[in-house]
Amino acid sequence: MSDLDASLDAATATAAAAGAGGRRSGPLLSIAPSPTVPPRGFVRDVYEHTWTIARPRADVWRWLCDPATFTDGQIPPFRVEFLTNPVGETGFHEGVYNSHVGPLMCFAGVLGEIRHEEYRDLQYTYGSYAISHALFRPVRLQFWLDDDPTATADPGDGGARCVLHLRLDTDVRAGRAVGVWQRMMGVF
């Protein structure tokens, strides 16, 4: 059992034992952050994009997993927050709650599996939305980082390069909203 799993079990037991006025509370639920299938009237859209970046893999990973990339220079009323996980970590660590909020958007989730310089998973919680909860509901954001197989160590041709792959799964209202969402994803 990992430290994170043990902390979650302890937090659940504590929450179950302590209730308002001495009354016994129920346990905290351990469920998926959002439904595994789209709700009625929605379809699952998968958007993928790949970038080749003329930087070393370690530099791109450091930038991608640095909270300052998302929090420095925030323009109010937009805000990005990271909440400490049960073992006391914040930033980009498994089990950290993350929220990107602002007008017409709420992307709240929990960081899932993170493999150093390779993979990062953010699973959005039910209630996250873009524009309106009735239209676009992000479910999961994943990044994979690989070395560019065509890169060489020769600085004359750009040297180190890596490939960043993004996958965004979103529940989208069936019908015309699907085309609107797919056009919006074209900004990536």
N, C-alpha and C. Protein backbone atom coordinates (compact mmCIF):
# COMPACT_ATOMS: atom_id res chain seq x y z
N MET A 1 0.86 -1.18 0.00
CA MET A 1 0.00 0.00 0.00
C MET A 1 0.90 1.24 0.00
N SER A 2 0.62 2.19 -0.88
CA SER A 2 1.42 3.41 -0.96
C SER A 2 1.08 4.35 0.19
N ASP A 3 1.97 5.34 0.43
CA ASP A 3 1.71 6.35 1.46
C ASP A 3 0.41 7.09 1.16
N LEU A 4 0.16 7.38 -0.14
CA LEU A 4 -1.06 8.10 -0.52
C LEU A 4 -2.29 7.26 -0.20
N ASP A 5 -2.25 5.94 -0.54
CA ASP A 5 -3.39 5.07 -0.24
C ASP A 5 -3.64 4.99 1.27
N ALA A 6 -2.56 4.86 2.06
CA ALA A 6 -2.70 4.79 3.51
C ALA A 6 -3.29 6.07 4.07
N SER A 7 -2.86 7.22 3.54
CA SER A 7 -3.39 8.50 4.00
C SER A 7 -4.86 8.64 3.65
N LEU A 8 -5.25 8.19 2.46
CA LEU A 8 -6.65 8.26 2.06
C LEU A 8 -7.50 7.37 2.96
N ASP A 9 -7.00 6.15 3.29
CA ASP A 9 -7.73 5.26 4.18
C ASP A 9 -7.89 5.90 5.56
N ALA A 10 -6.84 6.54 6.08
CA ALA A 10 -6.89 7.18 7.39
C ALA A 10 -7.87 8.35 7.37
N ALA A 11 -7.86 9.13 6.29
CA ALA A 11 -8.77 10.28 6.18
C ALA A 11 -10.22 9.79 6.13
N THR A 12 -10.46 8.69 5.43
CA THR A 12 -11.81 8.14 5.35
C THR A 12 -12.28 7.67 6.72
N ALA A 13 -11.41 6.98 7.45
CA ALA A 13 -11.77 6.49 8.78
C ALA A 13 -12.05 7.65 9.73
N THR A 14 -11.22 8.69 9.67
CA THR A 14 -11.41 9.86 10.53
C THR A 14 -12.72 10.54 10.21
N ALA A 15 -13.02 10.73 8.94
CA ALA A 15 -14.27 11.38 8.53
C ALA A 15 -15.48 10.57 8.97
N ALA A 16 -15.37 9.25 8.92
CA ALA A 16 -16.49 8.39 9.29
C ALA A 16 -16.75 8.44 10.80
N ALA A 17 -15.65 8.58 11.58
CA ALA A 17 -15.79 8.55 13.03
C ALA A 17 -16.28 9.88 13.60
N ALA A 18 -15.87 10.99 13.01
CA ALA A 18 -16.18 12.31 13.56
C ALA A 18 -17.36 12.92 12.83
N GLY A 19 -18.43 13.16 13.53
CA GLY A 19 -19.58 13.81 12.93
C GLY A 19 -19.99 15.02 13.74
N ALA A 20 -20.85 15.84 13.17
CA ALA A 20 -21.32 17.03 13.87
C ALA A 20 -22.08 16.61 15.13
N GLY A 21 -21.73 17.23 16.25
CA GLY A 21 -22.44 16.95 17.51
C GLY A 21 -22.26 15.53 17.99
N GLY A 22 -21.16 14.87 17.61
CA GLY A 22 -20.91 13.52 18.04
C GLY A 22 -21.64 12.46 17.25
N ARG A 23 -22.41 12.86 16.26
CA ARG A 23 -23.13 11.88 15.43
C ARG A 23 -22.15 11.24 14.45
N ARG A 24 -22.36 9.98 14.19
CA ARG A 24 -21.49 9.23 13.28
C ARG A 24 -21.78 9.61 11.83
N SER A 25 -20.76 10.00 11.08
CA SER A 25 -20.88 10.31 9.66
C SER A 25 -20.60 9.07 8.84
N GLY A 26 -21.05 9.09 7.59
CA GLY A 26 -20.72 8.00 6.69
C GLY A 26 -19.31 8.17 6.15
N PRO A 27 -18.77 7.14 5.53
CA PRO A 27 -17.40 7.23 5.00
C PRO A 27 -17.35 8.11 3.76
N LEU A 28 -16.18 8.66 3.49
CA LEU A 28 -15.96 9.37 2.23
C LEU A 28 -16.01 8.35 1.11
N LEU A 29 -16.61 8.70 0.01
CA LEU A 29 -16.73 7.78 -1.11
C LEU A 29 -15.42 7.70 -1.90
N SER A 30 -15.16 6.57 -2.41
CA SER A 30 -14.02 6.38 -3.30
C SER A 30 -14.59 5.98 -4.66
N ILE A 31 -14.86 7.00 -5.49
CA ILE A 31 -15.49 6.77 -6.79
C ILE A 31 -14.69 7.49 -7.87
N ALA A 32 -14.98 7.16 -9.10
CA ALA A 32 -14.36 7.85 -10.22
C ALA A 32 -14.75 9.33 -10.15
N PRO A 33 -13.86 10.23 -10.58
CA PRO A 33 -14.17 11.66 -10.52
C PRO A 33 -15.35 12.07 -11.40
N SER A 34 -15.62 11.31 -12.44
CA SER A 34 -16.76 11.60 -13.31
C SER A 34 -17.28 10.30 -13.88
N PRO A 35 -18.50 10.30 -14.42
CA PRO A 35 -19.05 9.06 -14.99
C PRO A 35 -18.15 8.50 -16.10
N THR A 36 -18.12 7.19 -16.21
CA THR A 36 -17.25 6.56 -17.21
C THR A 36 -17.86 6.56 -18.60
N VAL A 37 -19.15 6.81 -18.69
CA VAL A 37 -19.81 6.92 -20.00
C VAL A 37 -20.55 8.26 -20.04
N PRO A 38 -20.70 8.84 -21.23
CA PRO A 38 -21.40 10.12 -21.32
C PRO A 38 -22.84 10.02 -20.84
N PRO A 39 -23.35 11.07 -20.21
CA PRO A 39 -24.77 11.05 -19.82
C PRO A 39 -25.67 11.12 -21.04
N ARG A 40 -26.93 10.80 -20.85
CA ARG A 40 -27.90 10.84 -21.94
C ARG A 40 -27.87 12.22 -22.61
N GLY A 41 -27.84 12.23 -23.93
CA GLY A 41 -27.83 13.47 -24.68
C GLY A 41 -26.43 13.99 -24.98
N PHE A 42 -25.41 13.28 -24.52
CA PHE A 42 -24.02 13.68 -24.76
C PHE A 42 -23.27 12.56 -25.49
N VAL A 43 -22.21 12.93 -26.18
CA VAL A 43 -21.31 11.97 -26.81
C VAL A 43 -19.90 12.27 -26.33
N ARG A 44 -19.06 11.26 -26.32
CA ARG A 44 -17.66 11.44 -25.91
C ARG A 44 -16.85 11.87 -27.12
N ASP A 45 -16.20 13.03 -27.01
CA ASP A 45 -15.32 13.53 -28.05
C ASP A 45 -13.88 13.36 -27.57
N VAL A 46 -13.02 12.88 -28.45
CA VAL A 46 -11.61 12.74 -28.12
C VAL A 46 -10.83 13.64 -29.06
N TYR A 47 -10.17 14.64 -28.48
CA TYR A 47 -9.33 15.55 -29.25
C TYR A 47 -7.88 15.20 -28.95
N GLU A 48 -7.08 15.06 -30.01
CA GLU A 48 -5.66 14.77 -29.84
C GLU A 48 -4.84 15.73 -30.67
N HIS A 49 -3.70 16.10 -30.13
CA HIS A 49 -2.80 17.00 -30.84
C HIS A 49 -1.37 16.65 -30.44
N THR A 50 -0.46 16.75 -31.39
CA THR A 50 0.95 16.46 -31.14
C THR A 50 1.80 17.64 -31.59
N TRP A 51 2.75 18.01 -30.74
CA TRP A 51 3.70 19.06 -31.06
C TRP A 51 5.11 18.48 -31.02
N THR A 52 5.95 18.89 -31.96
CA THR A 52 7.38 18.61 -31.89
C THR A 52 8.02 19.89 -31.38
N ILE A 53 8.78 19.78 -30.30
CA ILE A 53 9.31 20.95 -29.61
C ILE A 53 10.84 20.88 -29.64
N ALA A 54 11.46 21.95 -30.08
CA ALA A 54 12.92 22.01 -30.19
C ALA A 54 13.55 22.34 -28.84
N ARG A 55 13.27 21.50 -27.88
CA ARG A 55 13.84 21.63 -26.53
C ARG A 55 14.07 20.24 -25.99
N PRO A 56 15.01 20.11 -25.07
CA PRO A 56 15.21 18.79 -24.44
C PRO A 56 13.97 18.35 -23.66
N ARG A 57 13.78 17.06 -23.64
CA ARG A 57 12.62 16.47 -22.96
C ARG A 57 12.53 16.92 -21.51
N ALA A 58 13.64 16.95 -20.79
CA ALA A 58 13.64 17.34 -19.38
C ALA A 58 13.14 18.78 -19.20
N ASP A 59 13.51 19.68 -20.12
CA ASP A 59 13.06 21.07 -20.03
C ASP A 59 11.54 21.19 -20.23
N VAL A 60 11.03 20.46 -21.20
CA VAL A 60 9.59 20.51 -21.49
C VAL A 60 8.81 19.92 -20.31
N TRP A 61 9.29 18.81 -19.77
CA TRP A 61 8.61 18.20 -18.62
C TRP A 61 8.61 19.15 -17.42
N ARG A 62 9.76 19.78 -17.17
CA ARG A 62 9.85 20.72 -16.05
C ARG A 62 8.82 21.86 -16.22
N TRP A 63 8.69 22.39 -17.44
CA TRP A 63 7.73 23.45 -17.72
C TRP A 63 6.29 22.95 -17.56
N LEU A 64 6.01 21.75 -18.09
CA LEU A 64 4.67 21.18 -18.06
C LEU A 64 4.22 20.87 -16.63
N CYS A 65 5.15 20.55 -15.75
CA CYS A 65 4.82 20.14 -14.38
C CYS A 65 5.22 21.19 -13.34
N ASP A 66 5.37 22.42 -13.76
CA ASP A 66 5.67 23.51 -12.84
C ASP A 66 4.40 24.30 -12.60
N PRO A 67 3.88 24.33 -11.38
CA PRO A 67 2.65 25.09 -11.11
C PRO A 67 2.75 26.55 -11.56
N ALA A 68 3.95 27.13 -11.52
CA ALA A 68 4.12 28.52 -11.92
C ALA A 68 3.75 28.73 -13.39
N THR A 69 3.88 27.70 -14.22
CA THR A 69 3.47 27.79 -15.62
C THR A 69 2.00 28.20 -15.72
N PHE A 70 1.21 27.78 -14.74
CA PHE A 70 -0.23 28.00 -14.77
C PHE A 70 -0.70 29.09 -13.81
N THR A 71 0.10 29.41 -12.79
CA THR A 71 -0.34 30.37 -11.79
C THR A 71 0.29 31.75 -11.93
N ASP A 72 1.52 31.83 -12.40
CA ASP A 72 2.17 33.14 -12.54
C ASP A 72 1.51 33.93 -13.66
N GLY A 73 1.26 35.18 -13.42
CA GLY A 73 0.67 36.03 -14.44
C GLY A 73 -0.80 35.79 -14.71
N GLN A 74 -1.50 35.20 -13.75
CA GLN A 74 -2.94 34.97 -13.93
C GLN A 74 -3.66 36.30 -14.08
N ILE A 75 -4.58 36.33 -14.98
CA ILE A 75 -5.37 37.54 -15.22
C ILE A 75 -6.72 37.36 -14.53
N PRO A 76 -7.00 38.18 -13.49
CA PRO A 76 -8.30 38.05 -12.82
C PRO A 76 -9.44 38.29 -13.81
N PRO A 77 -10.50 37.58 -13.69
CA PRO A 77 -10.90 36.70 -12.60
C PRO A 77 -10.53 35.24 -12.83
N PHE A 78 -9.65 34.94 -13.80
CA PHE A 78 -9.22 33.56 -14.02
C PHE A 78 -8.26 33.16 -12.90
N ARG A 79 -8.30 31.88 -12.52
CA ARG A 79 -7.49 31.42 -11.41
C ARG A 79 -7.19 29.94 -11.57
N VAL A 80 -5.97 29.57 -11.19
CA VAL A 80 -5.57 28.16 -11.14
C VAL A 80 -5.12 27.88 -9.72
N GLU A 81 -5.63 26.79 -9.15
CA GLU A 81 -5.28 26.43 -7.77
C GLU A 81 -4.86 24.97 -7.71
N PHE A 82 -3.95 24.69 -6.79
CA PHE A 82 -3.52 23.33 -6.48
C PHE A 82 -3.72 23.13 -4.98
N LEU A 83 -4.48 22.09 -4.58
CA LEU A 83 -4.69 21.80 -3.17
C LEU A 83 -3.81 20.63 -2.76
N THR A 84 -3.28 20.69 -1.57
CA THR A 84 -2.39 19.67 -1.04
C THR A 84 -3.09 18.32 -0.97
N ASN A 85 -2.37 17.25 -1.39
CA ASN A 85 -2.94 15.91 -1.30
C ASN A 85 -2.79 15.38 0.14
N PRO A 86 -3.36 14.22 0.44
CA PRO A 86 -3.34 13.71 1.82
C PRO A 86 -1.95 13.47 2.40
N VAL A 87 -0.92 13.32 1.59
CA VAL A 87 0.43 13.13 2.13
C VAL A 87 1.22 14.43 2.17
N GLY A 88 0.53 15.57 1.94
CA GLY A 88 1.16 16.87 2.10
C GLY A 88 1.83 17.45 0.88
N GLU A 89 1.68 16.81 -0.28
CA GLU A 89 2.28 17.33 -1.51
C GLU A 89 1.32 18.26 -2.21
N THR A 90 1.86 19.23 -2.93
CA THR A 90 1.06 20.10 -3.77
C THR A 90 1.74 20.18 -5.13
N GLY A 91 1.18 20.95 -6.04
CA GLY A 91 1.75 21.01 -7.38
C GLY A 91 1.37 19.76 -8.16
N PHE A 92 2.28 19.28 -8.99
CA PHE A 92 1.97 18.14 -9.85
C PHE A 92 2.42 16.83 -9.20
N HIS A 93 1.53 16.33 -8.33
CA HIS A 93 1.72 15.04 -7.67
C HIS A 93 0.38 14.31 -7.68
N GLU A 94 0.43 13.00 -7.71
CA GLU A 94 -0.78 12.20 -7.72
C GLU A 94 -1.66 12.53 -6.52
N GLY A 95 -2.96 12.66 -6.77
CA GLY A 95 -3.90 12.93 -5.70
C GLY A 95 -4.10 14.40 -5.37
N VAL A 96 -3.36 15.29 -6.04
CA VAL A 96 -3.54 16.72 -5.82
C VAL A 96 -4.76 17.20 -6.59
N TYR A 97 -5.62 17.94 -5.90
CA TYR A 97 -6.78 18.54 -6.57
C TYR A 97 -6.31 19.79 -7.29
N ASN A 98 -6.87 20.01 -8.47
CA ASN A 98 -6.47 21.13 -9.32
C ASN A 98 -7.72 21.76 -9.88
N SER A 99 -7.75 23.08 -9.93
CA SER A 99 -8.91 23.77 -10.46
C SER A 99 -8.48 24.96 -11.31
N HIS A 100 -8.99 25.03 -12.53
CA HIS A 100 -8.82 26.18 -13.43
C HIS A 100 -10.21 26.80 -13.54
N VAL A 101 -10.38 28.01 -13.03
CA VAL A 101 -11.71 28.62 -13.02
C VAL A 101 -11.66 30.03 -13.59
N GLY A 102 -12.80 30.47 -14.08
CA GLY A 102 -12.95 31.81 -14.62
C GLY A 102 -14.30 31.91 -15.28
N PRO A 103 -14.58 33.05 -15.91
CA PRO A 103 -15.86 33.20 -16.59
C PRO A 103 -16.04 32.11 -17.65
N LEU A 104 -17.19 31.48 -17.64
CA LEU A 104 -17.58 30.46 -18.62
C LEU A 104 -16.73 29.20 -18.57
N MET A 105 -16.05 28.96 -17.45
CA MET A 105 -15.25 27.74 -17.35
C MET A 105 -15.02 27.34 -15.91
N CYS A 106 -15.01 26.04 -15.70
CA CYS A 106 -14.60 25.45 -14.43
C CYS A 106 -14.04 24.08 -14.77
N PHE A 107 -12.72 23.96 -14.68
CA PHE A 107 -12.05 22.69 -14.94
C PHE A 107 -11.45 22.23 -13.62
N ALA A 108 -12.20 21.45 -12.86
CA ALA A 108 -11.76 20.96 -11.56
C ALA A 108 -11.48 19.48 -11.67
N GLY A 109 -10.35 19.05 -11.12
CA GLY A 109 -10.01 17.65 -11.23
C GLY A 109 -9.00 17.21 -10.20
N VAL A 110 -8.56 15.99 -10.36
CA VAL A 110 -7.54 15.42 -9.48
C VAL A 110 -6.47 14.79 -10.37
N LEU A 111 -5.22 15.01 -9.99
CA LEU A 111 -4.12 14.45 -10.77
C LEU A 111 -4.04 12.95 -10.52
N GLY A 112 -4.01 12.21 -11.61
CA GLY A 112 -3.89 10.75 -11.55
C GLY A 112 -2.44 10.35 -11.69
N GLU A 113 -2.21 9.32 -12.45
CA GLU A 113 -0.86 8.78 -12.60
C GLU A 113 0.07 9.80 -13.24
N ILE A 114 1.28 9.88 -12.69
CA ILE A 114 2.33 10.73 -13.24
C ILE A 114 3.60 9.89 -13.33
N ARG A 115 4.13 9.75 -14.54
CA ARG A 115 5.39 9.03 -14.76
C ARG A 115 6.42 10.07 -15.22
N HIS A 116 7.46 10.25 -14.44
CA HIS A 116 8.46 11.30 -14.65
C HIS A 116 8.94 11.36 -16.10
N GLU A 117 8.84 12.55 -16.67
CA GLU A 117 9.27 12.85 -18.04
C GLU A 117 8.63 11.96 -19.10
N GLU A 118 7.45 11.40 -18.78
CA GLU A 118 6.79 10.51 -19.73
C GLU A 118 5.29 10.74 -19.86
N TYR A 119 4.56 10.85 -18.72
CA TYR A 119 3.09 10.84 -18.77
C TYR A 119 2.52 11.61 -17.59
N ARG A 120 1.44 12.37 -17.87
CA ARG A 120 0.71 13.08 -16.81
C ARG A 120 -0.77 12.98 -17.10
N ASP A 121 -1.56 12.69 -16.06
CA ASP A 121 -3.00 12.46 -16.19
C ASP A 121 -3.75 13.39 -15.24
N LEU A 122 -4.73 14.11 -15.76
CA LEU A 122 -5.62 14.94 -14.96
C LEU A 122 -7.04 14.48 -15.25
N GLN A 123 -7.71 13.97 -14.22
CA GLN A 123 -9.07 13.48 -14.38
C GLN A 123 -10.03 14.52 -13.80
N TYR A 124 -10.85 15.08 -14.67
CA TYR A 124 -11.77 16.13 -14.25
C TYR A 124 -12.94 15.56 -13.48
N THR A 125 -13.42 16.32 -12.51
CA THR A 125 -14.55 15.88 -11.71
C THR A 125 -15.86 16.30 -12.37
N TYR A 126 -16.91 15.55 -12.03
CA TYR A 126 -18.24 15.88 -12.54
C TYR A 126 -18.58 17.30 -12.10
N GLY A 127 -19.10 18.09 -13.02
CA GLY A 127 -19.42 19.49 -12.76
C GLY A 127 -18.47 20.42 -13.49
N SER A 128 -17.35 19.89 -13.99
CA SER A 128 -16.44 20.72 -14.79
C SER A 128 -17.12 21.05 -16.11
N TYR A 129 -16.83 22.24 -16.64
CA TYR A 129 -17.47 22.62 -17.90
C TYR A 129 -16.69 23.72 -18.60
N ALA A 130 -16.96 23.85 -19.90
CA ALA A 130 -16.51 24.97 -20.71
C ALA A 130 -17.77 25.60 -21.30
N ILE A 131 -17.90 26.89 -21.18
CA ILE A 131 -19.03 27.70 -21.63
C ILE A 131 -20.29 27.41 -20.82
N SER A 132 -20.76 26.15 -20.81
CA SER A 132 -21.94 25.78 -20.04
C SER A 132 -21.89 24.28 -19.76
N HIS A 133 -22.32 23.92 -18.56
CA HIS A 133 -22.38 22.50 -18.20
C HIS A 133 -23.34 21.74 -19.12
N ALA A 134 -24.25 22.48 -19.74
CA ALA A 134 -25.21 21.86 -20.66
C ALA A 134 -24.59 21.56 -22.03
N LEU A 135 -23.35 22.03 -22.28
CA LEU A 135 -22.74 21.85 -23.60
C LEU A 135 -21.46 21.01 -23.60
N PHE A 136 -20.47 21.43 -22.80
CA PHE A 136 -19.13 20.83 -22.89
C PHE A 136 -18.61 20.48 -21.50
N ARG A 137 -18.36 19.20 -21.28
CA ARG A 137 -17.92 18.70 -19.98
C ARG A 137 -16.60 17.94 -20.13
N PRO A 138 -15.46 18.57 -19.82
CA PRO A 138 -14.19 17.84 -19.92
C PRO A 138 -14.16 16.69 -18.91
N VAL A 139 -13.57 15.59 -19.33
CA VAL A 139 -13.52 14.38 -18.51
C VAL A 139 -12.08 14.05 -18.11
N ARG A 140 -11.15 14.19 -19.06
CA ARG A 140 -9.78 13.77 -18.79
C ARG A 140 -8.81 14.48 -19.72
N LEU A 141 -7.66 14.89 -19.18
CA LEU A 141 -6.60 15.52 -19.95
C LEU A 141 -5.31 14.74 -19.70
N GLN A 142 -4.74 14.20 -20.78
CA GLN A 142 -3.52 13.41 -20.66
C GLN A 142 -2.43 13.97 -21.56
N PHE A 143 -1.20 13.91 -21.07
CA PHE A 143 -0.02 14.29 -21.85
C PHE A 143 0.97 13.14 -21.85
N TRP A 144 1.56 12.88 -23.01
CA TRP A 144 2.67 11.95 -23.15
C TRP A 144 3.84 12.74 -23.72
N LEU A 145 5.03 12.47 -23.23
CA LEU A 145 6.23 13.16 -23.69
C LEU A 145 7.25 12.11 -24.12
N ASP A 146 7.74 12.24 -25.35
CA ASP A 146 8.71 11.30 -25.89
C ASP A 146 9.86 12.06 -26.52
N ASP A 147 10.99 11.39 -26.65
CA ASP A 147 12.07 11.96 -27.45
C ASP A 147 11.67 11.92 -28.90
N ASP A 148 12.10 12.92 -29.66
CA ASP A 148 11.84 12.93 -31.10
C ASP A 148 12.81 11.95 -31.75
N PRO A 149 12.30 10.89 -32.37
CA PRO A 149 13.21 9.89 -32.96
C PRO A 149 14.04 10.45 -34.11
N THR A 150 13.63 11.59 -34.67
CA THR A 150 14.41 12.17 -35.78
C THR A 150 15.46 13.16 -35.31
N ALA A 151 15.47 13.46 -34.00
CA ALA A 151 16.43 14.43 -33.46
C ALA A 151 17.83 13.82 -33.42
N THR A 152 18.81 14.69 -33.56
CA THR A 152 20.21 14.26 -33.44
C THR A 152 20.88 15.14 -32.39
N ALA A 153 22.07 14.75 -32.01
CA ALA A 153 22.83 15.53 -31.04
C ALA A 153 23.58 16.67 -31.73
N ASP A 154 23.45 16.77 -33.03
CA ASP A 154 24.16 17.80 -33.80
C ASP A 154 23.47 19.16 -33.59
N PRO A 155 24.17 20.12 -32.92
CA PRO A 155 23.53 21.42 -32.69
C PRO A 155 23.23 22.17 -33.99
N GLY A 156 23.85 21.79 -35.09
CA GLY A 156 23.61 22.46 -36.36
C GLY A 156 22.21 22.22 -36.90
N ASP A 157 21.55 21.14 -36.47
CA ASP A 157 20.20 20.88 -36.98
C ASP A 157 19.14 21.04 -35.88
N GLY A 158 19.46 21.77 -34.85
CA GLY A 158 18.49 22.03 -33.79
C GLY A 158 18.70 21.20 -32.54
N GLY A 159 19.55 20.18 -32.61
CA GLY A 159 19.87 19.39 -31.43
C GLY A 159 18.68 18.64 -30.88
N ALA A 160 18.56 18.66 -29.55
CA ALA A 160 17.53 17.88 -28.85
C ALA A 160 16.13 18.39 -29.18
N ARG A 161 15.25 17.45 -29.43
CA ARG A 161 13.84 17.75 -29.65
C ARG A 161 13.02 16.67 -28.96
N CYS A 162 11.79 17.04 -28.62
CA CYS A 162 10.89 16.05 -28.05
C CYS A 162 9.51 16.22 -28.67
N VAL A 163 8.67 15.23 -28.40
CA VAL A 163 7.31 15.22 -28.95
C VAL A 163 6.35 15.19 -27.77
N LEU A 164 5.43 16.17 -27.74
CA LEU A 164 4.41 16.25 -26.70
C LEU A 164 3.07 15.91 -27.35
N HIS A 165 2.39 14.94 -26.76
CA HIS A 165 1.09 14.51 -27.28
C HIS A 165 0.03 14.79 -26.22
N LEU A 166 -1.04 15.46 -26.62
CA LEU A 166 -2.15 15.79 -25.74
C LEU A 166 -3.38 15.00 -26.17
N ARG A 167 -4.14 14.54 -25.19
CA ARG A 167 -5.45 13.92 -25.45
C ARG A 167 -6.43 14.49 -24.44
N LEU A 168 -7.52 15.08 -24.96
CA LEU A 168 -8.57 15.64 -24.12
C LEU A 168 -9.87 14.92 -24.43
N ASP A 169 -10.42 14.23 -23.45
CA ASP A 169 -11.71 13.56 -23.57
C ASP A 169 -12.77 14.48 -22.97
N THR A 170 -13.83 14.72 -23.73
CA THR A 170 -14.88 15.65 -23.31
C THR A 170 -16.24 15.07 -23.67
N ASP A 171 -17.18 15.18 -22.74
CA ASP A 171 -18.57 14.85 -23.06
C ASP A 171 -19.20 16.10 -23.65
N VAL A 172 -19.71 15.97 -24.88
CA VAL A 172 -20.24 17.10 -25.64
C VAL A 172 -21.71 16.83 -25.95
N ARG A 173 -22.53 17.86 -25.79
CA ARG A 173 -23.95 17.73 -26.12
C ARG A 173 -24.08 17.24 -27.57
N ALA A 174 -24.83 16.18 -27.78
CA ALA A 174 -25.03 15.62 -29.12
C ALA A 174 -25.66 16.66 -30.03
N GLY A 175 -25.32 16.62 -31.32
CA GLY A 175 -25.88 17.55 -32.30
C GLY A 175 -24.85 18.58 -32.73
N ARG A 176 -25.32 19.79 -32.98
CA ARG A 176 -24.45 20.85 -33.50
C ARG A 176 -23.30 21.22 -32.57
N ALA A 177 -23.48 21.00 -31.27
CA ALA A 177 -22.43 21.35 -30.31
C ALA A 177 -21.13 20.59 -30.58
N VAL A 178 -21.25 19.38 -31.15
CA VAL A 178 -20.05 18.59 -31.44
C VAL A 178 -19.17 19.34 -32.44
N GLY A 179 -19.75 19.83 -33.52
CA GLY A 179 -18.98 20.58 -34.51
C GLY A 179 -18.39 21.86 -33.94
N VAL A 180 -19.15 22.54 -33.09
CA VAL A 180 -18.65 23.77 -32.44
C VAL A 180 -17.44 23.43 -31.57
N TRP A 181 -17.54 22.36 -30.77
CA TRP A 181 -16.44 21.96 -29.90
C TRP A 181 -15.20 21.60 -30.71
N GLN A 182 -15.40 20.85 -31.77
CA GLN A 182 -14.25 20.44 -32.59
C GLN A 182 -13.59 21.64 -33.25
N ARG A 183 -14.37 22.63 -33.67
CA ARG A 183 -13.77 23.86 -34.22
C ARG A 183 -13.02 24.62 -33.14
N MET A 184 -13.57 24.66 -31.92
CA MET A 184 -12.89 25.34 -30.82
C MET A 184 -11.56 24.67 -30.50
N MET A 185 -11.50 23.36 -30.64
CA MET A 185 -10.26 22.64 -30.35
C MET A 185 -9.18 22.98 -31.38
N GLY A 186 -9.59 23.52 -32.52
CA GLY A 186 -8.64 23.93 -33.55
C GLY A 186 -7.70 25.03 -33.10
N VAL A 187 -8.01 25.70 -31.99
CA VAL A 187 -7.12 26.75 -31.49
C VAL A 187 -5.85 26.18 -30.90
N PHE A 188 -5.86 24.91 -30.55
CA PHE A 188 -4.64 24.26 -30.05
C PHE A 188 -3.66 24.15 -31.20
